[in-house]
Amino acid sequence: MKKTSLFIALAVGVASAAQAQSARFGVKAGASLTGVTGKDTDGTAYKFGFNGGVMANFAINDMFSIQPEVLYSMKGAKDNSNSDNRINLNYIDVPVLAKVSTGATGLFFELGPQIGFLASAKAKTSSTTTDVKDGYKTVDFGYAAGLGFQTEGGAMVGLRYNGGFTNVGKSYTYSTPYGTVTADAGNAKNSAFQLYVGFLFGGK
């Protein structure tokens, strides 16, 4: 049901953008603080990463616009007791945000669904790095919400939270000398705070 609602929201966003009065395109980049939430995340802590990519903004009127983006997002978490041990998850995120501007103050609010496509997943210790992509779902359904400040010329700074609807891990089966074992995916969802700067071209 959540996945269906998210796809509907994306379709509505794209349809609204197609009817927009004007379009602007831009770039953005920033730092991330990422971790995992859920009942099976004891012993994990947040870690720093990077986010950046491109965006388009389709104005419906002076206050409301639709802003789809394509972002490279570093996510994952680290061991709370040993920061050298961490899971690095890298996604191509595609949020479609409803953006509400408050007018002359430049303050804006944004909210919308997001789909993330897993690009890589690696478990890192102080001495080794292991590819663990097979243990994680290739698609992550979630949402983004935030606020920021934007000038009329298009420069902006913002703070955003990304939350996941689905668990990042997946159940998998492997063989042992004692038989076949199925590992449960567990309950762990992506969680990320993103601080970014950006610029939309074509402003006044």
N, C-alpha and C. Protein backbone atom coordinates (compact mmCIF):
# COMPACT_ATOMS: atom_id res chain seq x y z
N MET A 1 0.82 -1.20 0.00
CA MET A 1 0.00 0.00 0.00
C MET A 1 0.86 1.26 0.00
N LYS A 2 1.93 1.26 0.81
CA LYS A 2 2.82 2.41 0.87
C LYS A 2 3.50 2.63 -0.48
N LYS A 3 3.91 1.53 -1.12
CA LYS A 3 4.57 1.65 -2.41
C LYS A 3 3.62 2.22 -3.44
N THR A 4 2.36 1.77 -3.43
CA THR A 4 1.37 2.28 -4.38
C THR A 4 1.14 3.76 -4.16
N SER A 5 1.01 4.18 -2.92
CA SER A 5 0.80 5.60 -2.62
C SER A 5 1.97 6.44 -3.08
N LEU A 6 3.19 5.91 -2.93
CA LEU A 6 4.37 6.65 -3.34
C LEU A 6 4.40 6.82 -4.85
N PHE A 7 4.07 5.77 -5.61
CA PHE A 7 4.04 5.88 -7.06
C PHE A 7 2.97 6.87 -7.52
N ILE A 8 1.81 6.88 -6.85
CA ILE A 8 0.76 7.83 -7.19
C ILE A 8 1.24 9.26 -6.95
N ALA A 9 1.90 9.47 -5.82
CA ALA A 9 2.42 10.80 -5.51
C ALA A 9 3.44 11.26 -6.53
N LEU A 10 4.30 10.35 -6.99
CA LEU A 10 5.27 10.69 -8.01
C LEU A 10 4.59 11.06 -9.32
N ALA A 11 3.56 10.29 -9.69
CA ALA A 11 2.84 10.58 -10.93
C ALA A 11 2.15 11.92 -10.87
N VAL A 12 1.55 12.24 -9.72
CA VAL A 12 0.89 13.53 -9.56
C VAL A 12 1.91 14.66 -9.66
N GLY A 13 3.08 14.44 -9.06
CA GLY A 13 4.12 15.46 -9.11
C GLY A 13 4.59 15.73 -10.52
N VAL A 14 4.81 14.69 -11.29
CA VAL A 14 5.26 14.86 -12.67
C VAL A 14 4.18 15.53 -13.51
N ALA A 15 2.91 15.12 -13.31
CA ALA A 15 1.81 15.74 -14.06
C ALA A 15 1.68 17.22 -13.73
N SER A 16 1.84 17.57 -12.46
CA SER A 16 1.76 18.98 -12.07
C SER A 16 2.90 19.77 -12.67
N ALA A 17 4.09 19.16 -12.70
CA ALA A 17 5.25 19.84 -13.25
C ALA A 17 5.06 20.13 -14.73
N ALA A 18 4.40 19.23 -15.42
CA ALA A 18 4.18 19.41 -16.86
C ALA A 18 3.30 20.62 -17.15
N GLN A 19 2.48 21.03 -16.18
CA GLN A 19 1.59 22.17 -16.35
C GLN A 19 2.17 23.45 -15.74
N ALA A 20 3.43 23.39 -15.33
CA ALA A 20 4.03 24.52 -14.63
C ALA A 20 4.20 25.73 -15.54
N GLN A 21 4.24 26.91 -14.92
CA GLN A 21 4.37 28.15 -15.66
C GLN A 21 5.80 28.38 -16.13
N SER A 22 6.80 27.96 -15.36
CA SER A 22 8.20 28.18 -15.72
C SER A 22 9.05 27.08 -15.13
N ALA A 23 10.23 26.90 -15.72
CA ALA A 23 11.13 25.84 -15.28
C ALA A 23 12.53 26.40 -15.09
N ARG A 24 13.20 25.93 -14.03
CA ARG A 24 14.59 26.28 -13.77
C ARG A 24 15.35 25.00 -13.45
N PHE A 25 16.63 24.98 -13.73
CA PHE A 25 17.44 23.79 -13.51
C PHE A 25 18.68 24.18 -12.72
N GLY A 26 19.17 23.25 -11.91
CA GLY A 26 20.30 23.61 -11.07
C GLY A 26 21.08 22.43 -10.54
N VAL A 27 22.02 22.74 -9.67
CA VAL A 27 22.91 21.75 -9.06
C VAL A 27 22.92 21.98 -7.55
N LYS A 28 23.30 20.95 -6.81
CA LYS A 28 23.37 21.05 -5.36
C LYS A 28 24.36 20.04 -4.82
N ALA A 29 24.90 20.30 -3.63
CA ALA A 29 25.83 19.38 -2.99
C ALA A 29 25.92 19.72 -1.51
N GLY A 30 26.29 18.73 -0.71
CA GLY A 30 26.41 18.99 0.72
C GLY A 30 26.87 17.78 1.51
N ALA A 31 26.81 17.92 2.81
CA ALA A 31 27.23 16.87 3.74
C ALA A 31 26.02 16.15 4.31
N SER A 32 26.21 14.87 4.65
CA SER A 32 25.13 14.05 5.20
C SER A 32 25.57 13.43 6.53
N LEU A 33 24.61 13.26 7.41
CA LEU A 33 24.79 12.50 8.64
C LEU A 33 23.79 11.35 8.56
N THR A 34 24.28 10.12 8.40
CA THR A 34 23.40 9.00 8.07
C THR A 34 23.52 7.86 9.08
N GLY A 35 22.41 7.13 9.21
CA GLY A 35 22.37 5.97 10.08
C GLY A 35 21.21 5.09 9.70
N VAL A 36 20.82 4.21 10.60
CA VAL A 36 19.66 3.34 10.39
C VAL A 36 18.78 3.39 11.63
N THR A 37 17.46 3.26 11.41
CA THR A 37 16.51 3.24 12.52
C THR A 37 15.70 1.95 12.45
N GLY A 38 15.21 1.50 13.61
CA GLY A 38 14.44 0.27 13.67
C GLY A 38 14.84 -0.55 14.87
N LYS A 39 14.08 -1.60 15.15
CA LYS A 39 14.30 -2.37 16.37
C LYS A 39 15.57 -3.21 16.32
N ASP A 40 16.15 -3.42 15.13
CA ASP A 40 17.35 -4.25 15.02
C ASP A 40 18.59 -3.41 14.75
N THR A 41 18.63 -2.18 15.26
CA THR A 41 19.76 -1.29 14.98
C THR A 41 20.56 -0.94 16.23
N ASP A 42 20.38 -1.70 17.30
CA ASP A 42 21.17 -1.45 18.51
C ASP A 42 22.66 -1.60 18.19
N GLY A 43 23.46 -0.72 18.74
CA GLY A 43 24.90 -0.79 18.51
C GLY A 43 25.38 -0.03 17.31
N THR A 44 24.46 0.61 16.59
CA THR A 44 24.86 1.40 15.42
C THR A 44 24.86 2.89 15.76
N ALA A 45 25.60 3.65 14.96
CA ALA A 45 25.68 5.10 15.16
C ALA A 45 25.69 5.78 13.80
N TYR A 46 25.45 7.08 13.82
CA TYR A 46 25.45 7.86 12.58
C TYR A 46 26.88 8.12 12.10
N LYS A 47 27.03 8.26 10.79
CA LYS A 47 28.33 8.56 10.20
C LYS A 47 28.16 9.68 9.16
N PHE A 48 29.27 10.30 8.79
CA PHE A 48 29.24 11.40 7.82
C PHE A 48 29.38 10.88 6.40
N GLY A 49 28.76 11.61 5.46
CA GLY A 49 28.85 11.25 4.05
C GLY A 49 28.65 12.48 3.17
N PHE A 50 28.32 12.25 1.91
CA PHE A 50 28.19 13.31 0.91
C PHE A 50 26.90 13.09 0.13
N ASN A 51 26.29 14.19 -0.29
CA ASN A 51 25.16 14.11 -1.22
C ASN A 51 25.30 15.21 -2.25
N GLY A 52 24.88 14.93 -3.47
CA GLY A 52 24.98 15.95 -4.51
C GLY A 52 24.35 15.47 -5.81
N GLY A 53 23.96 16.43 -6.65
CA GLY A 53 23.36 16.05 -7.92
C GLY A 53 22.71 17.23 -8.61
N VAL A 54 21.67 16.93 -9.38
CA VAL A 54 21.00 17.94 -10.20
C VAL A 54 19.53 18.00 -9.82
N MET A 55 18.89 19.13 -10.15
CA MET A 55 17.48 19.32 -9.82
C MET A 55 16.82 20.18 -10.88
N ALA A 56 15.50 20.07 -10.93
CA ALA A 56 14.69 20.94 -11.78
C ALA A 56 13.56 21.48 -10.91
N ASN A 57 13.19 22.73 -11.16
CA ASN A 57 12.11 23.34 -10.38
C ASN A 57 11.06 23.89 -11.33
N PHE A 58 9.83 23.39 -11.18
CA PHE A 58 8.72 23.78 -12.04
C PHE A 58 7.72 24.58 -11.22
N ALA A 59 7.67 25.88 -11.48
CA ALA A 59 6.81 26.77 -10.70
C ALA A 59 5.35 26.65 -11.15
N ILE A 60 4.47 26.40 -10.21
CA ILE A 60 3.04 26.40 -10.47
C ILE A 60 2.49 27.82 -10.30
N ASN A 61 2.96 28.50 -9.27
CA ASN A 61 2.66 29.91 -9.05
C ASN A 61 3.80 30.50 -8.23
N ASP A 62 3.63 31.70 -7.69
CA ASP A 62 4.71 32.37 -6.97
C ASP A 62 5.10 31.66 -5.67
N MET A 63 4.19 30.87 -5.12
CA MET A 63 4.48 30.22 -3.83
C MET A 63 4.73 28.73 -3.94
N PHE A 64 4.19 28.09 -4.95
CA PHE A 64 4.21 26.62 -5.01
C PHE A 64 4.94 26.13 -6.25
N SER A 65 5.79 25.11 -6.06
CA SER A 65 6.50 24.51 -7.19
C SER A 65 6.74 23.03 -6.92
N ILE A 66 7.04 22.29 -8.00
CA ILE A 66 7.42 20.88 -7.91
C ILE A 66 8.88 20.76 -8.27
N GLN A 67 9.63 20.06 -7.43
CA GLN A 67 11.08 19.97 -7.63
C GLN A 67 11.56 18.52 -7.63
N PRO A 68 11.69 17.89 -8.81
CA PRO A 68 12.31 16.56 -8.89
C PRO A 68 13.84 16.70 -8.90
N GLU A 69 14.51 15.71 -8.34
CA GLU A 69 15.97 15.74 -8.26
C GLU A 69 16.53 14.36 -8.55
N VAL A 70 17.79 14.32 -8.97
CA VAL A 70 18.54 13.07 -9.10
C VAL A 70 19.84 13.28 -8.32
N LEU A 71 20.02 12.52 -7.25
CA LEU A 71 21.12 12.76 -6.32
C LEU A 71 21.94 11.50 -6.07
N TYR A 72 23.23 11.69 -5.93
CA TYR A 72 24.10 10.63 -5.41
C TYR A 72 24.17 10.80 -3.91
N SER A 73 23.77 9.79 -3.15
CA SER A 73 23.67 9.92 -1.70
C SER A 73 24.43 8.81 -0.99
N MET A 74 25.39 9.20 -0.17
CA MET A 74 26.09 8.24 0.68
C MET A 74 25.26 8.02 1.94
N LYS A 75 24.99 6.75 2.26
CA LYS A 75 24.22 6.42 3.46
C LYS A 75 24.91 5.27 4.19
N GLY A 76 24.20 4.65 5.14
CA GLY A 76 24.80 3.57 5.92
C GLY A 76 24.96 3.97 7.36
N ALA A 77 25.76 3.20 8.10
CA ALA A 77 25.95 3.43 9.53
C ALA A 77 27.30 2.86 9.96
N LYS A 78 27.70 3.23 11.19
CA LYS A 78 28.94 2.70 11.74
C LYS A 78 28.67 2.00 13.06
N ASP A 79 29.64 1.21 13.50
CA ASP A 79 29.58 0.52 14.78
C ASP A 79 29.73 1.54 15.90
N ASN A 80 28.82 1.50 16.84
CA ASN A 80 28.85 2.47 17.93
C ASN A 80 30.10 2.35 18.80
N SER A 81 30.66 1.15 18.89
CA SER A 81 31.83 0.94 19.76
C SER A 81 33.15 0.97 19.00
N ASN A 82 33.10 0.91 17.68
CA ASN A 82 34.32 0.94 16.87
C ASN A 82 34.00 1.61 15.53
N SER A 83 34.36 2.86 15.39
CA SER A 83 33.98 3.63 14.20
C SER A 83 34.68 3.14 12.93
N ASP A 84 35.70 2.28 13.07
CA ASP A 84 36.35 1.71 11.88
C ASP A 84 35.46 0.67 11.20
N ASN A 85 34.50 0.13 11.92
CA ASN A 85 33.57 -0.84 11.36
C ASN A 85 32.30 -0.12 10.90
N ARG A 86 32.00 -0.21 9.60
CA ARG A 86 30.84 0.52 9.08
C ARG A 86 30.28 -0.13 7.83
N ILE A 87 29.03 0.16 7.56
CA ILE A 87 28.37 -0.23 6.31
C ILE A 87 28.19 1.02 5.47
N ASN A 88 28.77 1.01 4.28
CA ASN A 88 28.65 2.14 3.36
C ASN A 88 27.67 1.78 2.24
N LEU A 89 26.53 2.46 2.25
CA LEU A 89 25.50 2.25 1.23
C LEU A 89 25.43 3.50 0.36
N ASN A 90 25.59 3.33 -0.93
CA ASN A 90 25.54 4.45 -1.87
C ASN A 90 24.33 4.30 -2.79
N TYR A 91 23.52 5.36 -2.87
CA TYR A 91 22.27 5.33 -3.63
C TYR A 91 22.23 6.42 -4.69
N ILE A 92 21.46 6.16 -5.73
CA ILE A 92 20.98 7.20 -6.62
C ILE A 92 19.55 7.48 -6.18
N ASP A 93 19.35 8.62 -5.52
CA ASP A 93 18.04 8.98 -4.99
C ASP A 93 17.29 9.87 -5.97
N VAL A 94 15.97 9.62 -6.08
CA VAL A 94 15.11 10.43 -6.95
C VAL A 94 13.92 10.92 -6.13
N PRO A 95 14.07 12.07 -5.44
CA PRO A 95 12.93 12.66 -4.74
C PRO A 95 12.10 13.53 -5.67
N VAL A 96 10.80 13.61 -5.43
CA VAL A 96 9.92 14.55 -6.12
C VAL A 96 9.21 15.34 -5.03
N LEU A 97 9.60 16.61 -4.89
CA LEU A 97 9.20 17.40 -3.74
C LEU A 97 8.20 18.49 -4.08
N ALA A 98 7.24 18.68 -3.22
CA ALA A 98 6.38 19.86 -3.26
C ALA A 98 7.10 20.93 -2.46
N LYS A 99 7.32 22.08 -3.07
CA LYS A 99 8.10 23.16 -2.45
C LYS A 99 7.22 24.39 -2.27
N VAL A 100 7.15 24.87 -1.04
CA VAL A 100 6.32 26.03 -0.72
C VAL A 100 7.23 27.17 -0.26
N SER A 101 7.19 28.27 -0.97
CA SER A 101 7.98 29.45 -0.63
C SER A 101 7.12 30.45 0.14
N THR A 102 7.73 31.13 1.11
CA THR A 102 6.97 32.07 1.94
C THR A 102 6.98 33.49 1.40
N GLY A 103 7.65 33.71 0.28
CA GLY A 103 7.63 35.05 -0.31
C GLY A 103 8.92 35.80 -0.12
N ALA A 104 8.82 37.05 0.31
CA ALA A 104 9.97 37.95 0.36
C ALA A 104 11.07 37.48 1.30
N THR A 105 10.73 36.70 2.31
CA THR A 105 11.74 36.26 3.28
C THR A 105 12.72 35.26 2.68
N GLY A 106 12.32 34.56 1.61
CA GLY A 106 13.18 33.55 0.99
C GLY A 106 13.10 32.19 1.64
N LEU A 107 12.35 32.07 2.73
CA LEU A 107 12.21 30.79 3.42
C LEU A 107 11.33 29.85 2.61
N PHE A 108 11.71 28.58 2.55
CA PHE A 108 10.88 27.59 1.86
C PHE A 108 10.80 26.31 2.66
N PHE A 109 9.74 25.53 2.40
CA PHE A 109 9.54 24.22 2.99
C PHE A 109 9.34 23.22 1.85
N GLU A 110 9.79 21.98 2.06
CA GLU A 110 9.68 20.97 1.01
C GLU A 110 9.33 19.62 1.60
N LEU A 111 8.54 18.85 0.85
CA LEU A 111 8.09 17.54 1.31
C LEU A 111 7.69 16.70 0.11
N GLY A 112 8.07 15.42 0.13
CA GLY A 112 7.65 14.55 -0.97
C GLY A 112 8.24 13.15 -0.87
N PRO A 113 7.80 12.26 -1.76
CA PRO A 113 8.29 10.88 -1.78
C PRO A 113 9.66 10.79 -2.44
N GLN A 114 10.33 9.69 -2.20
CA GLN A 114 11.65 9.47 -2.77
C GLN A 114 11.87 7.99 -3.06
N ILE A 115 12.49 7.70 -4.18
CA ILE A 115 12.92 6.35 -4.50
C ILE A 115 14.43 6.34 -4.60
N GLY A 116 15.07 5.39 -3.94
CA GLY A 116 16.51 5.26 -3.99
C GLY A 116 16.91 3.95 -4.66
N PHE A 117 17.90 4.03 -5.55
CA PHE A 117 18.41 2.84 -6.24
C PHE A 117 19.83 2.56 -5.73
N LEU A 118 20.02 1.38 -5.15
CA LEU A 118 21.29 1.04 -4.54
C LEU A 118 22.39 0.89 -5.60
N ALA A 119 23.44 1.71 -5.48
CA ALA A 119 24.57 1.64 -6.41
C ALA A 119 25.66 0.72 -5.89
N SER A 120 25.90 0.73 -4.58
CA SER A 120 26.92 -0.15 -4.00
C SER A 120 26.66 -0.30 -2.51
N ALA A 121 27.15 -1.41 -1.95
CA ALA A 121 27.04 -1.67 -0.52
C ALA A 121 28.30 -2.40 -0.09
N LYS A 122 29.03 -1.79 0.84
CA LYS A 122 30.29 -2.39 1.28
C LYS A 122 30.41 -2.33 2.79
N ALA A 123 30.89 -3.44 3.35
CA ALA A 123 31.19 -3.51 4.77
C ALA A 123 32.68 -3.23 4.95
N LYS A 124 33.01 -2.27 5.79
CA LYS A 124 34.40 -1.84 5.95
C LYS A 124 34.85 -2.02 7.39
N THR A 125 36.04 -2.57 7.55
CA THR A 125 36.70 -2.61 8.85
C THR A 125 38.01 -1.83 8.70
N SER A 126 38.81 -1.82 9.74
CA SER A 126 40.06 -1.09 9.68
C SER A 126 41.03 -1.66 8.65
N SER A 127 40.84 -2.94 8.26
CA SER A 127 41.81 -3.57 7.36
C SER A 127 41.21 -4.13 6.07
N THR A 128 39.90 -4.31 6.02
CA THR A 128 39.30 -4.93 4.83
C THR A 128 38.02 -4.21 4.43
N THR A 129 37.70 -4.36 3.14
CA THR A 129 36.43 -3.87 2.60
C THR A 129 35.79 -5.00 1.81
N THR A 130 34.53 -5.33 2.12
CA THR A 130 33.84 -6.45 1.50
C THR A 130 32.57 -5.98 0.80
N ASP A 131 32.37 -6.46 -0.42
CA ASP A 131 31.14 -6.15 -1.16
C ASP A 131 29.99 -6.96 -0.58
N VAL A 132 28.96 -6.27 -0.08
CA VAL A 132 27.82 -6.96 0.55
C VAL A 132 26.51 -6.56 -0.13
N LYS A 133 26.58 -6.14 -1.39
CA LYS A 133 25.39 -5.65 -2.09
C LYS A 133 24.30 -6.71 -2.17
N ASP A 134 24.67 -7.99 -2.25
CA ASP A 134 23.66 -9.05 -2.34
C ASP A 134 22.79 -9.14 -1.09
N GLY A 135 23.23 -8.55 0.01
CA GLY A 135 22.46 -8.61 1.25
C GLY A 135 21.51 -7.45 1.44
N TYR A 136 21.44 -6.55 0.44
CA TYR A 136 20.60 -5.36 0.58
C TYR A 136 19.65 -5.21 -0.60
N LYS A 137 18.48 -4.64 -0.34
CA LYS A 137 17.49 -4.41 -1.38
C LYS A 137 18.00 -3.36 -2.36
N THR A 138 17.71 -3.57 -3.64
CA THR A 138 18.20 -2.67 -4.67
C THR A 138 17.37 -1.39 -4.78
N VAL A 139 16.14 -1.39 -4.21
CA VAL A 139 15.27 -0.21 -4.26
C VAL A 139 14.84 0.14 -2.84
N ASP A 140 14.95 1.42 -2.52
CA ASP A 140 14.58 1.91 -1.19
C ASP A 140 13.48 2.96 -1.35
N PHE A 141 12.32 2.72 -0.76
CA PHE A 141 11.20 3.65 -0.80
C PHE A 141 11.20 4.50 0.46
N GLY A 142 11.08 5.81 0.28
CA GLY A 142 11.11 6.68 1.45
C GLY A 142 10.50 8.03 1.18
N TYR A 143 10.92 9.01 1.96
CA TYR A 143 10.38 10.35 1.85
C TYR A 143 11.47 11.36 2.21
N ALA A 144 11.25 12.60 1.84
CA ALA A 144 12.16 13.68 2.18
C ALA A 144 11.36 14.87 2.67
N ALA A 145 11.87 15.54 3.69
CA ALA A 145 11.22 16.74 4.23
C ALA A 145 12.29 17.70 4.70
N GLY A 146 12.07 19.00 4.45
CA GLY A 146 13.09 19.94 4.87
C GLY A 146 12.65 21.38 4.76
N LEU A 147 13.60 22.25 5.00
CA LEU A 147 13.38 23.68 4.89
C LEU A 147 14.69 24.35 4.51
N GLY A 148 14.60 25.60 4.05
CA GLY A 148 15.81 26.28 3.66
C GLY A 148 15.54 27.72 3.30
N PHE A 149 16.56 28.35 2.72
CA PHE A 149 16.47 29.74 2.30
C PHE A 149 16.97 29.86 0.87
N GLN A 150 16.23 30.59 0.03
CA GLN A 150 16.61 30.75 -1.37
C GLN A 150 16.47 32.21 -1.78
N THR A 151 17.50 32.73 -2.47
CA THR A 151 17.43 34.10 -2.98
C THR A 151 16.68 34.13 -4.31
N GLU A 152 16.29 35.33 -4.74
CA GLU A 152 15.62 35.46 -6.03
C GLU A 152 16.54 35.04 -7.17
N GLY A 153 17.84 35.20 -6.98
CA GLY A 153 18.79 34.81 -8.01
C GLY A 153 18.98 33.31 -8.15
N GLY A 154 18.54 32.53 -7.14
CA GLY A 154 18.60 31.08 -7.24
C GLY A 154 19.54 30.39 -6.28
N ALA A 155 20.37 31.14 -5.53
CA ALA A 155 21.25 30.52 -4.54
C ALA A 155 20.42 30.04 -3.36
N MET A 156 20.78 28.89 -2.83
CA MET A 156 20.00 28.33 -1.72
C MET A 156 20.88 27.56 -0.75
N VAL A 157 20.38 27.45 0.47
CA VAL A 157 20.96 26.57 1.48
C VAL A 157 19.79 25.89 2.18
N GLY A 158 19.93 24.60 2.47
CA GLY A 158 18.81 23.88 3.06
C GLY A 158 19.23 22.74 3.97
N LEU A 159 18.31 22.32 4.80
CA LEU A 159 18.48 21.16 5.67
C LEU A 159 17.32 20.23 5.43
N ARG A 160 17.63 18.97 5.17
CA ARG A 160 16.61 17.99 4.79
C ARG A 160 16.79 16.69 5.57
N TYR A 161 15.66 16.03 5.84
CA TYR A 161 15.70 14.69 6.44
C TYR A 161 15.15 13.69 5.44
N ASN A 162 15.88 12.59 5.25
CA ASN A 162 15.42 11.46 4.44
C ASN A 162 15.08 10.29 5.36
N GLY A 163 13.88 9.79 5.27
CA GLY A 163 13.48 8.62 6.05
C GLY A 163 13.07 7.48 5.12
N GLY A 164 13.25 6.26 5.56
CA GLY A 164 12.89 5.10 4.75
C GLY A 164 11.59 4.48 5.19
N PHE A 165 10.82 4.00 4.23
CA PHE A 165 9.62 3.22 4.52
C PHE A 165 9.93 1.73 4.61
N THR A 166 10.96 1.29 3.90
CA THR A 166 11.25 -0.15 3.79
C THR A 166 12.58 -0.48 4.45
N ASN A 167 12.71 -1.71 4.90
CA ASN A 167 13.97 -2.18 5.46
C ASN A 167 15.04 -2.27 4.38
N VAL A 168 16.27 -1.91 4.72
CA VAL A 168 17.33 -1.88 3.71
C VAL A 168 17.85 -3.29 3.40
N GLY A 169 17.81 -4.18 4.39
CA GLY A 169 18.32 -5.53 4.19
C GLY A 169 17.28 -6.44 3.57
N LYS A 170 17.73 -7.58 3.07
CA LYS A 170 16.81 -8.58 2.54
C LYS A 170 17.20 -9.96 3.05
N SER A 171 16.21 -10.82 3.15
CA SER A 171 16.47 -12.20 3.57
C SER A 171 17.25 -12.94 2.49
N TYR A 172 18.16 -13.76 2.91
CA TYR A 172 18.93 -14.53 1.93
C TYR A 172 19.28 -15.90 2.52
N THR A 173 19.51 -16.84 1.63
CA THR A 173 19.79 -18.22 2.02
C THR A 173 21.22 -18.60 1.66
N TYR A 174 21.88 -19.29 2.57
CA TYR A 174 23.25 -19.74 2.29
C TYR A 174 23.45 -21.14 2.89
N SER A 175 24.47 -21.82 2.38
CA SER A 175 24.72 -23.21 2.79
C SER A 175 25.82 -23.27 3.85
N THR A 176 25.65 -24.17 4.79
CA THR A 176 26.67 -24.44 5.81
C THR A 176 26.91 -25.95 5.86
N PRO A 177 27.94 -26.39 6.54
CA PRO A 177 28.17 -27.84 6.67
C PRO A 177 27.02 -28.57 7.35
N TYR A 178 26.14 -27.82 8.02
CA TYR A 178 25.05 -28.42 8.77
C TYR A 178 23.70 -28.25 8.07
N GLY A 179 23.74 -27.67 6.86
CA GLY A 179 22.51 -27.51 6.11
C GLY A 179 22.33 -26.08 5.61
N THR A 180 21.16 -25.82 5.05
CA THR A 180 20.85 -24.50 4.50
C THR A 180 20.26 -23.61 5.58
N VAL A 181 20.73 -22.38 5.61
CA VAL A 181 20.29 -21.41 6.61
C VAL A 181 19.72 -20.19 5.90
N THR A 182 18.58 -19.71 6.39
CA THR A 182 17.99 -18.48 5.87
C THR A 182 18.16 -17.38 6.89
N ALA A 183 18.81 -16.31 6.47
CA ALA A 183 19.04 -15.17 7.35
C ALA A 183 17.92 -14.15 7.18
N ASP A 184 17.38 -13.70 8.29
CA ASP A 184 16.29 -12.73 8.24
C ASP A 184 16.83 -11.34 7.90
N ALA A 185 16.02 -10.56 7.20
CA ALA A 185 16.45 -9.22 6.78
C ALA A 185 16.60 -8.27 7.97
N GLY A 186 15.84 -8.49 9.03
CA GLY A 186 15.88 -7.58 10.17
C GLY A 186 15.08 -6.31 9.91
N ASN A 187 15.00 -5.50 10.94
CA ASN A 187 14.24 -4.25 10.86
C ASN A 187 15.21 -3.08 10.97
N ALA A 188 15.59 -2.53 9.84
CA ALA A 188 16.51 -1.39 9.79
C ALA A 188 16.19 -0.56 8.55
N LYS A 189 15.92 0.71 8.76
CA LYS A 189 15.56 1.62 7.67
C LYS A 189 16.57 2.75 7.58
N ASN A 190 16.79 3.23 6.38
CA ASN A 190 17.70 4.35 6.19
C ASN A 190 17.20 5.61 6.89
N SER A 191 18.15 6.37 7.40
CA SER A 191 17.85 7.65 8.04
C SER A 191 19.00 8.59 7.73
N ALA A 192 18.69 9.78 7.20
CA ALA A 192 19.76 10.69 6.79
C ALA A 192 19.36 12.14 6.97
N PHE A 193 20.25 12.92 7.58
CA PHE A 193 20.13 14.37 7.63
C PHE A 193 21.09 14.95 6.59
N GLN A 194 20.59 15.84 5.75
CA GLN A 194 21.41 16.39 4.68
C GLN A 194 21.42 17.93 4.76
N LEU A 195 22.61 18.48 4.84
CA LEU A 195 22.81 19.92 4.78
C LEU A 195 23.43 20.22 3.42
N TYR A 196 22.82 21.13 2.65
CA TYR A 196 23.28 21.32 1.27
C TYR A 196 23.23 22.79 0.87
N VAL A 197 24.01 23.09 -0.16
CA VAL A 197 23.92 24.37 -0.86
C VAL A 197 23.65 24.07 -2.32
N GLY A 198 22.99 24.99 -3.01
CA GLY A 198 22.65 24.75 -4.40
C GLY A 198 22.40 26.04 -5.15
N PHE A 199 22.18 25.89 -6.44
CA PHE A 199 21.90 27.06 -7.26
C PHE A 199 20.97 26.66 -8.42
N LEU A 200 19.89 27.41 -8.57
CA LEU A 200 18.97 27.25 -9.69
C LEU A 200 19.27 28.34 -10.72
N PHE A 201 19.56 27.94 -11.94
CA PHE A 201 19.89 28.88 -13.00
C PHE A 201 18.61 29.47 -13.61
N GLY A 202 18.75 30.64 -14.18
CA GLY A 202 17.61 31.27 -14.85
C GLY A 202 16.79 32.17 -13.97
N GLY A 203 17.35 32.61 -12.85
CA GLY A 203 16.62 33.47 -11.94
C GLY A 203 16.65 34.93 -12.38
N LYS A 204 16.03 35.76 -11.56
CA LYS A 204 15.94 37.18 -11.87
C LYS A 204 17.28 37.87 -11.68
